[in-house]
Amino acid sequence: MSRKGKLFIISGPSGVGKGTIMKALLPIMDGLKLSISTTTRPARRGEVDGREYYFVNDEEFDRLIAEERLLEWARVYSNRYGTPRDFVLDTLENGLDVILEIDIQGALKVKQKMPDGIFIFISPPRMEDLVTRLHGRGKDSELSIQTRYEACRSEMDHMKYYDYVVINDIIEDAVDRVRSIIVAERCRIDKTIEE
């Protein structure tokens, strides 16, 4: 029996630890492919094109939109991010699972196009913890941190559109919870298959 892959979407407020969870999860999960997003954001020090993101300019991003080569895209703060459509669909057809680490805007757009996806919301234990994490990673200005904090307050209201919520209080526990969700979903019986 051939198996079609499952689409897992991980999202939550900026700075909640999605990337950290993904870095710990991917090496311990077989058959799970990370979809690398395309962005107009400039690469940060140490980032490599094709590893963290596909870095493109605005004109190239516009072309990808026009050619419908993005499953979803969104403007996040002052940059655009998108999910390469062909990679996701081809990987699923080949029986491998795909995991997207995307912002909430993007996740809701994917939900409209692919409602059978499994949507996992990563939440901070408390809002104050998010500010501490944003300061601690040393990548954002004070203005950026304040903007992200305000956005997070409204983003938390979108949790109701997800299938699961994982509170990232202790990173090892959060990784284990996400891994458990993936294992459970892989074991789910597909009721749409005809006998």
C-alpha atoms as a PDB file:
ATOM      1  CA  MET A   1       0.000   0.000   0.000  1.00  0.00           C
ATOM      2  CA  SER A   2       1.551   3.323  -1.039  1.00  0.00           C
ATOM      3  CA  ARG A   3       1.394   6.077   1.506  1.00  0.00           C
ATOM      4  CA  LYS A   4       0.986   9.741   0.776  1.00  0.00           C
ATOM      5  CA  GLY A   5       2.994  11.993   3.049  1.00  0.00           C
ATOM      6  CA  LYS A   6       1.462  14.169   5.736  1.00  0.00           C
ATOM      7  CA  LEU A   7       1.903  17.910   6.021  1.00  0.00           C
ATOM      8  CA  PHE A   8       2.805  19.267   9.459  1.00  0.00           C
ATOM      9  CA  ILE A   9       2.702  23.004  10.096  1.00  0.00           C
ATOM     10  CA  ILE A  10       4.533  24.466  13.090  1.00  0.00           C
ATOM     11  CA  SER A  11       3.856  28.085  13.862  1.00  0.00           C
ATOM     12  CA  GLY A  12       3.476  30.538  16.670  1.00  0.00           C
ATOM     13  CA  PRO A  13       4.665  33.998  17.655  1.00  0.00           C
ATOM     14  CA  SER A  14       8.128  35.218  16.712  1.00  0.00           C
ATOM     15  CA  GLY A  15      10.736  34.241  19.283  1.00  0.00           C
ATOM     16  CA  VAL A  16       8.692  31.400  20.789  1.00  0.00           C
ATOM     17  CA  GLY A  17      11.325  28.788  19.902  1.00  0.00           C
ATOM     18  CA  LYS A  18       9.979  27.248  16.693  1.00  0.00           C
ATOM     19  CA  GLY A  19      13.433  27.142  15.110  1.00  0.00           C
ATOM     20  CA  THR A  20      15.025  25.611  18.185  1.00  0.00           C
ATOM     21  CA  ILE A  21      12.354  22.911  18.288  1.00  0.00           C
ATOM     22  CA  MET A  22      12.874  22.171  14.591  1.00  0.00           C
ATOM     23  CA  LYS A  23      16.665  21.887  14.941  1.00  0.00           C
ATOM     24  CA  ALA A  24      16.230  19.326  17.716  1.00  0.00           C
ATOM     25  CA  LEU A  25      13.367  17.456  16.026  1.00  0.00           C
ATOM     26  CA  LEU A  26      14.657  16.884  12.490  1.00  0.00           C
ATOM     27  CA  PRO A  27      17.666  14.693  13.386  1.00  0.00           C
ATOM     28  CA  ILE A  28      15.474  12.305  15.417  1.00  0.00           C
ATOM     29  CA  MET A  29      12.578  11.906  12.947  1.00  0.00           C
ATOM     30  CA  ASP A  30      12.947   9.698   9.862  1.00  0.00           C
ATOM     31  CA  GLY A  31      10.897  10.454   6.753  1.00  0.00           C
ATOM     32  CA  LEU A  32      10.353  14.097   7.681  1.00  0.00           C
ATOM     33  CA  LYS A  33      11.522  16.824   5.304  1.00  0.00           C
ATOM     34  CA  LEU A  34      11.773  20.492   6.207  1.00  0.00           C
ATOM     35  CA  SER A  35      10.418  22.895   3.632  1.00  0.00           C
ATOM     36  CA  ILE A  36      12.844  25.796   3.430  1.00  0.00           C
ATOM     37  CA  SER A  37      11.080  29.125   2.996  1.00  0.00           C
ATOM     38  CA  THR A  38      11.935  31.797   0.476  1.00  0.00           C
ATOM     39  CA  THR A  39      12.406  35.304   1.853  1.00  0.00           C
ATOM     40  CA  THR A  40      13.253  38.844   0.838  1.00  0.00           C
ATOM     41  CA  ARG A  41      14.918  39.334   4.233  1.00  0.00           C
ATOM     42  CA  PRO A  42      18.680  39.824   4.036  1.00  0.00           C
ATOM     43  CA  ALA A  43      20.720  36.919   5.359  1.00  0.00           C
ATOM     44  CA  ARG A  44      21.956  37.303   8.924  1.00  0.00           C
ATOM     45  CA  ARG A  45      25.548  36.534   9.812  1.00  0.00           C
ATOM     46  CA  GLY A  46      26.159  32.785   9.547  1.00  0.00           C
ATOM     47  CA  GLU A  47      23.039  32.052   7.478  1.00  0.00           C
ATOM     48  CA  VAL A  48      23.495  30.183   4.200  1.00  0.00           C
ATOM     49  CA  ASP A  49      21.243  30.438   1.144  1.00  0.00           C
ATOM     50  CA  GLY A  50      19.351  27.165   0.775  1.00  0.00           C
ATOM     51  CA  ARG A  51      19.958  26.103   4.378  1.00  0.00           C
ATOM     52  CA  GLU A  52      18.052  28.584   6.559  1.00  0.00           C
ATOM     53  CA  TYR A  53      16.145  30.260   3.722  1.00  0.00           C
ATOM     54  CA  TYR A  54      16.264  30.853  -0.003  1.00  0.00           C
ATOM     55  CA  PHE A  55      17.212  34.521  -0.085  1.00  0.00           C
ATOM     56  CA  VAL A  56      15.789  36.440  -3.055  1.00  0.00           C
ATOM     57  CA  ASN A  57      15.223  40.057  -3.997  1.00  0.00           C
ATOM     58  CA  ASP A  58      11.786  41.665  -4.358  1.00  0.00           C
ATOM     59  CA  GLU A  59      11.685  41.191  -8.144  1.00  0.00           C
ATOM     60  CA  GLU A  60      12.370  37.442  -7.858  1.00  0.00           C
ATOM     61  CA  PHE A  61       9.739  37.109  -5.121  1.00  0.00           C
ATOM     62  CA  ASP A  62       7.195  38.906  -7.337  1.00  0.00           C
ATOM     63  CA  ARG A  63       7.996  36.446 -10.155  1.00  0.00           C
ATOM     64  CA  LEU A  64       7.427  33.444  -7.839  1.00  0.00           C
ATOM     65  CA  ILE A  65       4.027  34.871  -6.862  1.00  0.00           C
ATOM     66  CA  ALA A  66       3.052  35.562 -10.486  1.00  0.00           C
ATOM     67  CA  GLU A  67       4.017  32.018 -11.517  1.00  0.00           C
ATOM     68  CA  GLU A  68       2.074  30.561  -8.548  1.00  0.00           C
ATOM     69  CA  ARG A  69       5.208  28.819  -7.308  1.00  0.00           C
ATOM     70  CA  LEU A  70       4.489  29.644  -3.659  1.00  0.00           C
ATOM     71  CA  LEU A  71       1.978  27.630  -1.627  1.00  0.00           C
ATOM     72  CA  GLU A  72       1.560  30.689   0.562  1.00  0.00           C
ATOM     73  CA  TRP A  73       3.325  33.929   1.210  1.00  0.00           C
ATOM     74  CA  ALA A  74       3.026  36.723   3.708  1.00  0.00           C
ATOM     75  CA  ARG A  75       4.576  40.006   4.646  1.00  0.00           C
ATOM     76  CA  VAL A  76       6.066  39.714   8.110  1.00  0.00           C
ATOM     77  CA  TYR A  77       7.203  43.042   9.495  1.00  0.00           C
ATOM     78  CA  SER A  78       9.099  44.579   6.549  1.00  0.00           C
ATOM     79  CA  ASN A  79       9.973  41.406   4.602  1.00  0.00           C
ATOM     80  CA  ARG A  80       8.131  38.710   2.657  1.00  0.00           C
ATOM     81  CA  TYR A  81       8.302  34.966   3.271  1.00  0.00           C
ATOM     82  CA  GLY A  82       6.854  32.152   1.181  1.00  0.00           C
ATOM     83  CA  THR A  83       6.656  28.362   0.969  1.00  0.00           C
ATOM     84  CA  PRO A  84       7.900  26.741  -2.272  1.00  0.00           C
ATOM     85  CA  ARG A  85       4.832  24.927  -3.637  1.00  0.00           C
ATOM     86  CA  ASP A  86       6.469  22.249  -5.802  1.00  0.00           C
ATOM     87  CA  PHE A  87       8.767  20.973  -3.049  1.00  0.00           C
ATOM     88  CA  VAL A  88       5.845  20.442  -0.675  1.00  0.00           C
ATOM     89  CA  LEU A  89       3.524  18.731  -3.180  1.00  0.00           C
ATOM     90  CA  ASP A  90       6.238  16.546  -4.764  1.00  0.00           C
ATOM     91  CA  THR A  91       7.571  15.405  -1.381  1.00  0.00           C
ATOM     92  CA  LEU A  92       4.085  14.478  -0.136  1.00  0.00           C
ATOM     93  CA  GLU A  93       3.358  12.554  -3.355  1.00  0.00           C
ATOM     94  CA  ASN A  94       6.587  10.603  -2.838  1.00  0.00           C
ATOM     95  CA  GLY A  95       5.317   9.372   0.534  1.00  0.00           C
ATOM     96  CA  LEU A  96       7.469  11.556   2.770  1.00  0.00           C
ATOM     97  CA  ASP A  97       6.134  13.907   5.409  1.00  0.00           C
ATOM     98  CA  VAL A  98       6.802  17.640   5.139  1.00  0.00           C
ATOM     99  CA  ILE A  99       7.102  20.049   8.020  1.00  0.00           C
ATOM    100  CA  LEU A 100       6.699  23.797   7.601  1.00  0.00           C
ATOM    101  CA  GLU A 101       7.973  26.262  10.163  1.00  0.00           C
ATOM    102  CA  ILE A 102       6.039  29.386   9.239  1.00  0.00           C
ATOM    103  CA  ASP A 103       4.385  32.426  10.757  1.00  0.00           C
ATOM    104  CA  ILE A 104       0.725  32.459  11.707  1.00  0.00           C
ATOM    105  CA  GLN A 105      -0.400  34.400   8.607  1.00  0.00           C
ATOM    106  CA  GLY A 106       1.204  31.779   6.394  1.00  0.00           C
ATOM    107  CA  ALA A 107      -0.195  28.874   8.405  1.00  0.00           C
ATOM    108  CA  LEU A 108      -3.745  30.172   8.021  1.00  0.00           C
ATOM    109  CA  LYS A 109      -3.257  30.512   4.245  1.00  0.00           C
ATOM    110  CA  VAL A 110      -1.970  26.929   4.059  1.00  0.00           C
ATOM    111  CA  LYS A 111      -4.996  25.797   6.084  1.00  0.00           C
ATOM    112  CA  GLN A 112      -7.292  27.254   3.400  1.00  0.00           C
ATOM    113  CA  LYS A 113      -5.464  25.390   0.609  1.00  0.00           C
ATOM    114  CA  MET A 114      -4.553  22.195   2.487  1.00  0.00           C
ATOM    115  CA  PRO A 115      -7.036  21.725   5.338  1.00  0.00           C
ATOM    116  CA  ASP A 116      -5.869  18.130   5.919  1.00  0.00           C
ATOM    117  CA  GLY A 117      -2.545  19.410   7.215  1.00  0.00           C
ATOM    118  CA  ILE A 118      -1.736  18.977  10.907  1.00  0.00           C
ATOM    119  CA  PHE A 119      -1.424  22.410  12.525  1.00  0.00           C
ATOM    120  CA  ILE A 120       0.687  22.761  15.690  1.00  0.00           C
ATOM    121  CA  PHE A 121       0.788  26.056  17.589  1.00  0.00           C
ATOM    122  CA  ILE A 122       3.894  26.722  19.708  1.00  0.00           C
ATOM    123  CA  SER A 123       3.070  28.961  22.666  1.00  0.00           C
ATOM    124  CA  PRO A 124       5.252  30.667  25.264  1.00  0.00           C
ATOM    125  CA  PRO A 125       4.428  29.733  28.867  1.00  0.00           C
ATOM    126  CA  ARG A 126       3.860  33.450  29.543  1.00  0.00           C
ATOM    127  CA  MET A 127       4.079  36.570  27.412  1.00  0.00           C
ATOM    128  CA  GLU A 128       6.941  37.875  29.558  1.00  0.00           C
ATOM    129  CA  ASP A 129       8.982  34.808  28.577  1.00  0.00           C
ATOM    130  CA  LEU A 130       8.735  35.819  24.940  1.00  0.00           C
ATOM    131  CA  VAL A 131      10.319  39.224  25.597  1.00  0.00           C
ATOM    132  CA  THR A 132      13.124  37.534  27.541  1.00  0.00           C
ATOM    133  CA  ARG A 133      13.764  35.123  24.639  1.00  0.00           C
ATOM    134  CA  LEU A 134      13.781  37.907  22.064  1.00  0.00           C
ATOM    135  CA  HIS A 135      16.314  39.857  24.121  1.00  0.00           C
ATOM    136  CA  GLY A 136      18.378  36.719  24.717  1.00  0.00           C
ATOM    137  CA  ARG A 137      18.832  35.775  21.076  1.00  0.00           C
ATOM    138  CA  GLY A 138      20.489  39.161  20.389  1.00  0.00           C
ATOM    139  CA  LYS A 139      19.151  39.482  16.823  1.00  0.00           C
ATOM    140  CA  ASP A 140      16.539  42.206  17.299  1.00  0.00           C
ATOM    141  CA  SER A 141      16.521  45.896  18.168  1.00  0.00           C
ATOM    142  CA  GLU A 142      14.469  47.170  21.094  1.00  0.00           C
ATOM    143  CA  LEU A 143      11.910  48.609  18.663  1.00  0.00           C
ATOM    144  CA  SER A 144      11.711  45.273  16.835  1.00  0.00           C
ATOM    145  CA  ILE A 145      11.218  43.421  20.134  1.00  0.00           C
ATOM    146  CA  GLN A 146       8.393  45.760  21.142  1.00  0.00           C
ATOM    147  CA  THR A 147       6.744  45.376  17.704  1.00  0.00           C
ATOM    148  CA  ARG A 148       7.010  41.579  17.914  1.00  0.00           C
ATOM    149  CA  TYR A 149       5.613  41.565  21.453  1.00  0.00           C
ATOM    150  CA  GLU A 150       2.553  43.566  20.386  1.00  0.00           C
ATOM    151  CA  ALA A 151       2.050  41.276  17.378  1.00  0.00           C
ATOM    152  CA  CYS A 152       2.356  38.216  19.631  1.00  0.00           C
ATOM    153  CA  ARG A 153      -0.491  39.389  21.824  1.00  0.00           C
ATOM    154  CA  SER A 154      -2.854  39.376  18.839  1.00  0.00           C
ATOM    155  CA  GLU A 155      -1.341  36.196  17.344  1.00  0.00           C
ATOM    156  CA  MET A 156      -2.203  34.224  20.479  1.00  0.00           C
ATOM    157  CA  ASP A 157      -5.883  34.671  19.537  1.00  0.00           C
ATOM    158  CA  HIS A 158      -5.303  32.465  16.462  1.00  0.00           C
ATOM    159  CA  MET A 159      -4.504  29.389  18.548  1.00  0.00           C
ATOM    160  CA  LYS A 160      -8.116  28.247  18.130  1.00  0.00           C
ATOM    161  CA  TYR A 161      -7.501  27.487  14.429  1.00  0.00           C
ATOM    162  CA  TYR A 162      -4.861  24.839  15.205  1.00  0.00           C
ATOM    163  CA  ASP A 163      -5.153  21.129  15.934  1.00  0.00           C
ATOM    164  CA  TYR A 164      -2.597  21.100  18.756  1.00  0.00           C
ATOM    165  CA  VAL A 165      -0.899  23.529  21.100  1.00  0.00           C
ATOM    166  CA  VAL A 166       2.535  22.882  22.582  1.00  0.00           C
ATOM    167  CA  ILE A 167       3.716  25.161  25.363  1.00  0.00           C
ATOM    168  CA  ASN A 168       7.447  25.705  25.041  1.00  0.00           C
ATOM    169  CA  ASP A 169       8.357  25.840  28.707  1.00  0.00           C
ATOM    170  CA  ILE A 170      11.271  23.360  28.662  1.00  0.00           C
ATOM    171  CA  ILE A 171      12.701  22.847  25.182  1.00  0.00           C
ATOM    172  CA  GLU A 172      13.275  19.090  25.564  1.00  0.00           C
ATOM    173  CA  ASP A 173       9.662  18.608  26.639  1.00  0.00           C
ATOM    174  CA  ALA A 174       8.353  20.734  23.754  1.00  0.00           C
ATOM    175  CA  VAL A 175      10.403  18.721  21.243  1.00  0.00           C
ATOM    176  CA  ASP A 176       9.082  15.474  22.733  1.00  0.00           C
ATOM    177  CA  ARG A 177       5.478  16.716  22.512  1.00  0.00           C
ATOM    178  CA  VAL A 178       5.837  17.698  18.854  1.00  0.00           C
ATOM    179  CA  ARG A 179       7.525  14.351  18.096  1.00  0.00           C
ATOM    180  CA  SER A 180       4.645  12.551  19.834  1.00  0.00           C
ATOM    181  CA  ILE A 181       2.083  14.428  17.740  1.00  0.00           C
ATOM    182  CA  ILE A 182       3.871  13.432  14.531  1.00  0.00           C
ATOM    183  CA  VAL A 183       4.098   9.771  15.594  1.00  0.00           C
ATOM    184  CA  ALA A 184       0.402   9.712  16.563  1.00  0.00           C
ATOM    185  CA  GLU A 185      -0.672  11.342  13.287  1.00  0.00           C
ATOM    186  CA  ARG A 186       1.377   8.840  11.289  1.00  0.00           C
ATOM    187  CA  CYS A 187      -0.571   6.054  13.030  1.00  0.00           C
ATOM    188  CA  ARG A 188      -3.992   7.599  12.322  1.00  0.00           C
ATOM    189  CA  ILE A 189      -6.269   5.552  10.087  1.00  0.00           C
ATOM    190  CA  ASP A 190      -7.298   7.362   6.917  1.00  0.00           C
ATOM    191  CA  LYS A 191     -11.099   7.060   6.909  1.00  0.00           C
ATOM    192  CA  THR A 192     -11.359   8.428   3.357  1.00  0.00           C
ATOM    193  CA  ILE A 193      -9.791   5.328   1.786  1.00  0.00           C
ATOM    194  CA  GLU A 194     -12.431   3.124   0.166  1.00  0.00           C
ATOM    195  CA  GLU A 195     -12.313  -0.612   0.762  1.00  0.00           C
END
